[in-house]
Every structure is written in structure tokens, then in C-alpha cells.
Protein backbone atom coordinates (compact mmCIF):
# COMPACT_ATOMS: atom_id res chain seq x y z
CA MET A 1 91.81 165.49 129.79
CA ARG A 2 90.15 164.91 133.13
CA PRO A 3 90.13 161.50 134.79
CA GLU A 4 87.43 159.34 133.26
CA SER A 5 84.08 159.85 134.90
CA ASN A 6 80.78 158.12 134.48
CA HIS A 7 77.80 160.40 134.19
CA VAL A 8 74.23 159.22 133.97
CA VAL A 9 72.67 160.70 130.81
CA PHE A 10 69.03 161.77 130.76
CA TRP A 11 67.17 163.23 127.80
CA SER A 12 64.56 165.91 128.37
CA PRO A 13 61.19 164.92 126.87
CA GLU A 14 61.58 167.57 124.16
CA ALA A 15 65.10 166.44 123.25
CA ASP A 16 64.01 162.80 123.22
CA GLU A 17 61.13 163.64 120.89
CA THR A 18 63.51 165.48 118.56
CA LEU A 19 65.95 162.56 118.72
CA GLN A 20 63.25 160.09 117.71
CA ALA A 21 62.24 162.35 114.79
CA LEU A 22 65.87 162.66 113.64
CA ILE A 23 66.25 158.88 113.61
CA ARG A 24 62.90 158.32 111.91
CA ASP A 25 63.51 160.96 109.20
CA ALA A 26 67.22 160.27 108.57
CA ALA A 27 68.15 159.37 105.01
CA ASP A 28 70.87 157.12 106.49
CA GLN A 29 69.55 155.79 109.80
CA GLU A 30 72.66 153.68 110.45
CA ALA A 31 74.94 156.74 110.20
CA CYS A 32 72.52 158.74 112.35
CA LEU A 33 72.62 156.06 115.07
CA LEU A 34 76.44 156.03 114.96
CA TRP A 35 76.58 159.82 115.45
CA ILE A 36 74.10 159.61 118.30
CA GLY A 37 76.13 156.82 119.89
CA GLU A 38 79.29 158.91 119.69
CA ASN A 39 77.49 161.86 121.30
CA ASP A 40 76.17 159.60 124.08
CA SER A 41 79.64 158.20 124.68
CA TRP A 42 81.11 161.68 125.15
CA LEU A 43 78.24 162.71 127.40
CA ALA A 44 78.65 159.70 129.69
CA ARG A 45 82.46 159.54 129.83
CA GLY A 46 83.63 163.13 129.77
CA PRO A 47 80.99 165.78 129.31
CA LEU A 48 83.28 168.58 130.52
CA ASP A 49 85.78 167.66 127.79
CA PHE A 50 83.08 167.60 125.10
CA GLY A 51 82.16 170.73 123.22
CA GLU A 52 82.32 174.18 124.71
CA SER A 53 80.81 176.05 127.59
CA ARG A 54 77.80 178.26 126.88
CA TYR A 55 76.74 179.57 130.30
CA HIS A 56 76.97 178.24 133.84
CA THR A 57 76.76 174.45 133.50
CA ILE A 58 75.29 174.42 129.96
CA ARG A 59 77.50 173.15 127.14
CA LEU A 60 77.23 172.69 123.37
CA GLY A 61 78.77 169.57 121.84
CA VAL A 62 79.06 168.71 118.16
CA VAL A 63 79.68 165.41 116.42
CA THR A 64 79.09 166.56 112.86
CA PRO A 65 76.39 166.71 111.63
CA LEU A 66 74.66 166.49 115.03
CA ALA A 67 74.83 168.99 117.87
CA VAL A 68 73.57 168.70 121.44
CA LEU A 69 72.87 171.28 124.10
CA PHE A 70 73.33 169.76 127.55
CA ASP A 71 73.61 170.53 131.25
CA VAL A 72 76.31 168.93 133.41
CA LEU A 73 75.58 168.38 137.10
CA ASP A 74 78.22 167.28 139.63
CA ASP A 75 76.41 165.57 142.47
CA PRO A 76 75.39 163.02 141.43
CA PRO A 77 77.32 163.07 138.12
CA THR A 78 74.51 163.66 135.65
CA VAL A 79 74.06 165.02 132.13
CA ILE A 80 70.70 166.29 130.93
CA VAL A 81 70.35 166.66 127.17
CA LEU A 82 68.23 169.74 126.51
CA ASP A 83 68.21 169.80 122.71
CA ILE A 84 69.65 167.99 119.70
CA TRP A 85 69.64 169.00 116.07
CA HIS A 86 71.05 168.04 112.71
CA GLY A 87 72.83 170.62 110.58
CA LYS A 88 70.28 173.04 109.21
CA SER A 89 67.38 171.54 111.21
CA ARG A 90 67.88 174.00 114.06
CA PHE A 91 68.23 176.93 111.66
CA GLU A 92 64.98 175.94 109.99
CA ARG A 93 63.26 175.68 113.39
CA SER A 94 64.61 179.08 114.47
CA ALA A 95 63.61 180.72 111.20
CA SER A 96 60.06 179.39 111.53
CA ARG A 97 59.76 180.98 115.00
CA ARG A 98 60.84 184.46 113.88
CA PRO A 99 58.05 187.01 113.61
CA ARG A 100 57.24 187.98 110.06
CA ALA A 101 57.53 191.67 109.16
């Protein structure tokens, strides 16, 4: 594990909108807020130790059942959350975007 670092975490407008919808629509809002808090903690303390690399500085982190796609910047230490989804939510979104044959 890398020495503890403190990154500033920003949410893109799209990710923040999705986050608000996840909280609003959650069957168990308290559990949802706990998962989000755990994600935020990882993002702020050690984003390079959270999840796995996707490409360049983009990473994918999962605290089941939530997943976040985020970008890690070094100077200044910053994390930008690009997307968040819950379990099948992303699959459903992707399926709705596919062209119909």
C-alpha cells in the first residue's frame, strides 16, 4: 500500500446526477449512503490502491453493489468521479442505448 495521500474528490455533473438518483431510488437509503461513504473514503485516501486500472489515469473501483469510474490526477492530488452505478443499473442503461435490429 502506498503512503496515505489526501486527494480532493470532485464529481462530474453527470456522475453527481446519477448519485442523487441512486440515493433517491434506493430501497435501503441508509445502506446506499454507507456504500457511497466507503467509496468516497477510498477515493480520498488511496485512489491508486482502489479498484483496477482501465486506461491511462482512469480506474474502476467497486464497493459491492456500487461501482465508480474515476480519473486520478497527481498535481494537485485530485480524483474526478466520471460515473457511478449500482449492480444491473449500468447494464440496463447500456442495453437501452444499443441500436435495435
